[in-house]
């Protein structure tokens, strides 16, 4: 790939970086020359699998188990990212939530979802900002639920809306420092995250029906978009929401 899309001299924290889209982004960035820390919270098996794959390819990729909703988890991230040299960037993929109608949601569901999906980005930028410099980039992964009403998605969709608003405010405040902030909003990508939907097959079938491409978006296609947003090729892209959905959102 052209050097304009390369990520050499960049250290990147990818939250939720060991499974699904996050895993694809971790590998893509490492293959583009970045030194990657793939954060995860619980699944050691997935983390070990990613690390083994990266080691087999000779990639600069390590994993870090840390719960981003807890002070000790954030402290672990700060300590790890203070090690090494290079431009520090952040891709926030980590997400959680409960797929239930509004009347079945509790304040516990709400707080848990907001803590990881939105507040964690706020906390991480505070921690990493002293390490960032001109050329650093922040990408927040969102979803269509941030701007559309999706069944059984109230808590998650609201958290993604908050995430997008935070990213836009950060984009304006950090641009004078040469730090770019953007939003990446994938369409339907078949990953483990769909297992939480009670009507998974129906929703995937509908996404496929609406796709002008006649297929779902792949994790690698989302990863390439994230690479672009963090690369020198995107130096004039600030506060933008890049939708990678194969055109489904323009189809009735």
Protein backbone atom coordinates (compact mmCIF):
# COMPACT_ATOMS: atom_id res chain seq x y z
CA UNK A 1 0.00 0.00 0.00
CA UNK A 2 1.12 3.56 -0.77
CA UNK A 3 3.10 5.28 2.01
CA UNK A 4 0.34 7.88 2.28
CA UNK A 5 -1.69 5.17 3.98
CA UNK A 6 1.17 3.81 6.09
CA UNK A 7 1.18 4.04 9.88
CA UNK A 8 4.88 3.72 10.67
CA UNK A 9 6.05 5.53 13.79
CA UNK A 10 2.52 5.33 15.17
CA UNK A 11 1.53 3.64 18.44
CA UNK A 12 -2.14 2.79 18.40
CA UNK A 13 -4.45 1.70 21.20
CA UNK A 14 -7.35 -0.30 19.79
CA UNK A 15 -10.01 -0.83 22.45
CA UNK A 16 -12.09 -3.94 22.01
CA UNK A 17 -9.22 -4.91 19.76
CA UNK A 18 -9.15 -8.71 20.00
CA UNK A 19 -12.46 -9.76 18.44
CA UNK A 20 -14.62 -8.91 15.45
CA UNK A 21 -14.05 -5.50 13.87
CA UNK A 22 -11.55 -4.55 16.58
CA UNK A 23 -9.41 -7.58 15.81
CA UNK A 24 -9.41 -6.77 12.10
CA UNK A 25 -8.38 -3.19 12.87
CA UNK A 26 -5.58 -4.31 15.21
CA UNK A 27 -4.13 -6.59 12.51
CA UNK A 28 -4.60 -4.05 9.70
CA UNK A 29 -2.83 -1.31 11.63
CA UNK A 30 0.04 -3.60 12.61
CA UNK A 31 0.42 -4.73 8.99
CA UNK A 32 0.57 -1.07 7.98
CA UNK A 33 3.56 -0.55 10.27
CA UNK A 34 1.99 0.64 13.51
CA UNK A 35 2.84 -0.65 16.95
CA UNK A 36 -0.51 -1.83 18.29
CA UNK A 37 -1.88 -2.42 21.77
CA UNK A 38 -5.13 -4.38 21.48
CA UNK A 39 -7.19 -3.86 24.61
CA UNK A 40 -9.79 -6.35 25.82
CA UNK A 41 -11.77 -6.99 28.99
CA UNK A 42 -12.49 -10.70 29.44
CA UNK A 43 -11.92 -13.13 26.58
CA UNK A 44 -8.37 -14.43 27.11
CA UNK A 45 -8.75 -17.08 24.41
CA UNK A 46 -9.46 -14.51 21.70
CA UNK A 47 -6.57 -12.33 22.91
CA UNK A 48 -4.14 -15.24 22.85
CA UNK A 49 -5.28 -16.23 19.37
CA UNK A 50 -4.71 -12.69 18.08
CA UNK A 51 -1.31 -12.46 19.70
CA UNK A 52 -0.28 -15.81 18.20
CA UNK A 53 -1.36 -14.71 14.72
CA UNK A 54 0.52 -11.45 15.05
CA UNK A 55 3.64 -13.21 16.31
CA UNK A 56 3.55 -15.63 13.37
CA UNK A 57 3.60 -12.62 11.01
CA UNK A 58 6.24 -10.76 13.00
CA UNK A 59 3.90 -7.87 13.76
CA UNK A 60 4.37 -5.30 16.52
CA UNK A 61 1.13 -6.16 18.30
CA UNK A 62 0.53 -6.85 21.96
CA UNK A 63 -2.62 -7.36 23.99
CA UNK A 64 -3.68 -5.68 27.23
CA UNK A 65 -6.44 -6.91 29.49
CA UNK A 66 -8.05 -3.87 31.14
CA UNK A 67 -11.62 -2.97 32.01
CA UNK A 68 -12.04 0.57 30.70
CA UNK A 69 -14.96 1.25 33.02
CA UNK A 70 -12.73 0.92 36.10
CA UNK A 71 -9.99 3.28 37.35
CA UNK A 72 -7.47 0.43 37.60
CA UNK A 73 -8.16 -0.54 34.00
CA UNK A 74 -7.61 3.01 32.79
CA UNK A 75 -4.43 3.22 34.86
CA UNK A 76 -3.14 0.04 33.20
CA UNK A 77 -3.77 1.56 29.77
CA UNK A 78 -2.01 4.78 30.72
CA UNK A 79 1.03 2.90 32.02
CA UNK A 80 1.31 0.77 28.87
CA UNK A 81 0.89 3.65 26.45
CA UNK A 82 3.57 5.68 28.22
CA UNK A 83 6.08 3.06 27.12
CA UNK A 84 7.78 3.42 23.75
CA UNK A 85 8.03 6.21 21.22
CA UNK A 86 6.04 7.48 18.29
CA UNK A 87 2.78 9.23 17.52
CA UNK A 88 -0.01 8.01 19.80
CA UNK A 89 -3.43 7.33 18.26
CA UNK A 90 -6.65 5.75 19.51
CA UNK A 91 -9.36 3.64 17.88
CA UNK A 92 -12.26 3.10 20.26
CA UNK A 93 -14.07 -0.11 19.22
CA UNK A 94 -15.00 -1.42 22.66
CA UNK A 95 -18.74 -1.58 23.14
CA UNK A 96 -21.35 -3.35 25.20
CA UNK A 97 -25.05 -3.12 25.91
CA UNK A 98 -28.39 -4.82 26.41
CA UNK A 99 -30.78 -5.54 23.56
CA UNK A 100 -34.15 -4.99 25.24
CA UNK A 101 -37.22 -2.81 24.75
CA UNK A 102 -37.20 0.40 26.76
CA UNK A 103 -39.61 -0.83 29.44
CA UNK A 104 -37.27 -3.72 30.23
CA UNK A 105 -34.20 -1.53 30.66
CA UNK A 106 -32.92 -0.63 34.13
CA UNK A 107 -30.63 2.14 35.33
CA UNK A 108 -27.95 -0.53 35.76
CA UNK A 109 -28.22 -1.45 32.06
CA UNK A 110 -28.05 2.25 31.16
CA UNK A 111 -25.01 3.05 33.31
CA UNK A 112 -23.13 -0.08 32.19
CA UNK A 113 -23.68 0.71 28.52
CA UNK A 114 -22.78 4.38 28.80
CA UNK A 115 -19.68 3.64 30.85
CA UNK A 116 -17.93 1.68 28.12
CA UNK A 117 -19.48 2.98 24.92
CA UNK A 118 -19.21 6.71 25.63
CA UNK A 119 -17.53 7.58 28.94
CA UNK A 120 -14.51 5.38 28.25
CA UNK A 121 -13.62 7.53 25.22
CA UNK A 122 -13.84 10.64 27.41
CA UNK A 123 -11.54 9.05 30.00
CA UNK A 124 -9.07 7.66 27.46
CA UNK A 125 -8.62 10.96 25.64
CA UNK A 126 -7.91 12.66 28.97
CA UNK A 127 -5.25 10.04 29.69
CA UNK A 128 -3.66 9.94 26.25
CA UNK A 129 -3.80 13.62 25.33
CA UNK A 130 -0.49 14.50 27.05
CA UNK A 131 1.16 11.82 24.87
CA UNK A 132 -0.47 12.95 21.63
CA UNK A 133 1.14 15.28 19.14
CA UNK A 134 0.49 16.64 15.66
CA UNK A 135 -0.29 13.65 13.48
CA UNK A 136 -2.18 11.75 16.18
CA UNK A 137 -5.65 10.52 15.31
CA UNK A 138 -8.73 9.36 17.19
CA UNK A 139 -11.42 7.22 15.61
CA UNK A 140 -14.66 6.39 17.42
CA UNK A 141 -16.66 3.43 16.13
CA UNK A 142 -20.35 4.13 16.04
CA UNK A 143 -23.38 2.53 14.40
CA UNK A 144 -26.57 3.41 12.54
CA UNK A 145 -28.37 3.31 15.90
CA UNK A 146 -26.75 6.63 16.78
CA UNK A 147 -29.00 8.43 14.30
CA UNK A 148 -31.85 5.97 13.72
CA UNK A 149 -34.33 4.23 16.00
CA UNK A 150 -33.49 0.52 16.00
CA UNK A 151 -35.69 -2.02 17.84
CA UNK A 152 -34.35 -3.12 21.25
CA UNK A 153 -31.41 -0.74 20.85
CA UNK A 154 -32.37 2.20 23.07
CA UNK A 155 -29.46 2.11 25.51
CA UNK A 156 -26.82 1.23 22.92
CA UNK A 157 -28.12 3.66 20.31
CA UNK A 158 -28.22 6.49 22.82
CA UNK A 159 -24.68 5.71 23.95
CA UNK A 160 -23.51 5.78 20.33
CA UNK A 161 -25.24 9.12 19.84
CA UNK A 162 -23.36 10.45 22.87
CA UNK A 163 -20.14 8.97 21.49
CA UNK A 164 -20.62 10.77 18.18
CA UNK A 165 -21.39 14.08 19.86
CA UNK A 166 -18.30 13.76 22.06
CA UNK A 167 -16.16 12.95 19.01
CA UNK A 168 -17.40 16.03 17.14
CA UNK A 169 -16.63 18.31 20.08
CA UNK A 170 -13.20 16.75 20.46
CA UNK A 171 -12.59 17.20 16.73
CA UNK A 172 -13.07 20.96 17.02
CA UNK A 173 -11.07 21.36 20.22
CA UNK A 174 -8.14 19.17 19.21
CA UNK A 175 -7.75 20.14 15.55
CA UNK A 176 -5.62 23.22 16.40
CA UNK A 177 -3.14 20.82 18.02
CA UNK A 178 -2.90 18.75 14.86
CA UNK A 179 -4.91 15.88 16.39
CA UNK A 180 -7.69 14.62 14.14
CA UNK A 181 -10.91 13.07 15.48
CA UNK A 182 -13.40 11.24 13.28
CA UNK A 183 -16.28 8.77 13.53
CA UNK A 184 -16.46 5.46 11.68
CA UNK A 185 -19.95 4.01 11.34
CA UNK A 186 -20.03 0.48 9.89
CA UNK A 187 -23.10 -1.17 8.47
CA UNK A 188 -24.10 -4.73 9.23
CA UNK A 189 -20.97 -6.81 9.65
CA UNK A 190 -21.37 -10.45 10.62
CA UNK A 191 -19.41 -10.80 13.86
CA UNK A 192 -19.96 -12.33 17.30
CA UNK A 193 -21.73 -9.11 18.33
CA UNK A 194 -24.82 -10.26 16.45
CA UNK A 195 -25.20 -13.21 18.83
CA UNK A 196 -26.77 -10.78 21.34
CA UNK A 197 -29.69 -10.00 19.03
CA UNK A 198 -32.72 -12.23 19.61
CA UNK A 199 -33.74 -11.79 15.95
CA UNK A 200 -30.23 -12.01 14.50
CA UNK A 201 -31.09 -13.97 11.34
CA UNK A 202 -34.02 -11.71 10.46
CA UNK A 203 -31.96 -8.53 10.84
CA UNK A 204 -29.03 -9.86 8.83
CA UNK A 205 -31.39 -10.98 6.08
CA UNK A 206 -32.93 -7.49 5.97
CA UNK A 207 -29.49 -5.86 5.80
CA UNK A 208 -28.59 -8.17 2.94
CA UNK A 209 -31.84 -7.34 1.13
CA UNK A 210 -31.13 -3.61 1.39
CA UNK A 211 -27.52 -3.86 0.23
CA UNK A 212 -26.89 -2.60 -3.31
CA UNK A 213 -23.76 -4.77 -3.28
CA UNK A 214 -25.81 -7.87 -2.53
CA UNK A 215 -23.64 -8.74 0.48
CA UNK A 216 -22.67 -7.58 3.94
CA UNK A 217 -19.67 -5.43 4.69
CA UNK A 218 -16.59 -7.34 5.88
CA UNK A 219 -14.46 -6.62 8.94
CA UNK A 220 -11.49 -6.01 6.67
CA UNK A 221 -13.35 -3.32 4.74
CA UNK A 222 -14.08 -1.52 7.99
CA UNK A 223 -10.46 -1.93 9.07
CA UNK A 224 -9.15 -0.35 5.86
CA UNK A 225 -11.47 2.62 6.44
CA UNK A 226 -10.08 3.02 9.97
CA UNK A 227 -6.55 2.87 8.60
CA UNK A 228 -7.37 5.59 6.10
CA UNK A 229 -8.77 7.89 8.80
CA UNK A 230 -5.60 7.53 10.88
CA UNK A 231 -3.18 7.81 7.94
CA UNK A 232 -1.49 10.86 6.41
CA UNK A 233 -3.87 10.46 3.47
CA UNK A 234 -6.68 11.83 5.68
CA UNK A 235 -4.96 14.88 7.15
CA UNK A 236 -7.79 17.22 6.07
CA UNK A 237 -10.61 15.02 7.36
CA UNK A 238 -11.78 16.30 10.74
CA UNK A 239 -15.05 15.73 12.60
CA UNK A 240 -16.38 13.53 9.81
CA UNK A 241 -18.63 10.49 10.06
CA UNK A 242 -17.49 7.90 7.54
CA UNK A 243 -20.25 5.38 6.84
CA UNK A 244 -19.06 1.99 5.58
CA UNK A 245 -22.24 0.06 4.88
CA UNK A 246 -22.17 -0.83 1.20
CA UNK A 247 -24.94 1.67 0.50
CA UNK A 248 -27.68 0.17 2.68
CA UNK A 249 -28.52 3.51 4.31
CA UNK A 250 -29.47 5.07 0.99
CA UNK A 251 -31.94 2.30 0.10
CA UNK A 252 -35.59 2.47 1.15
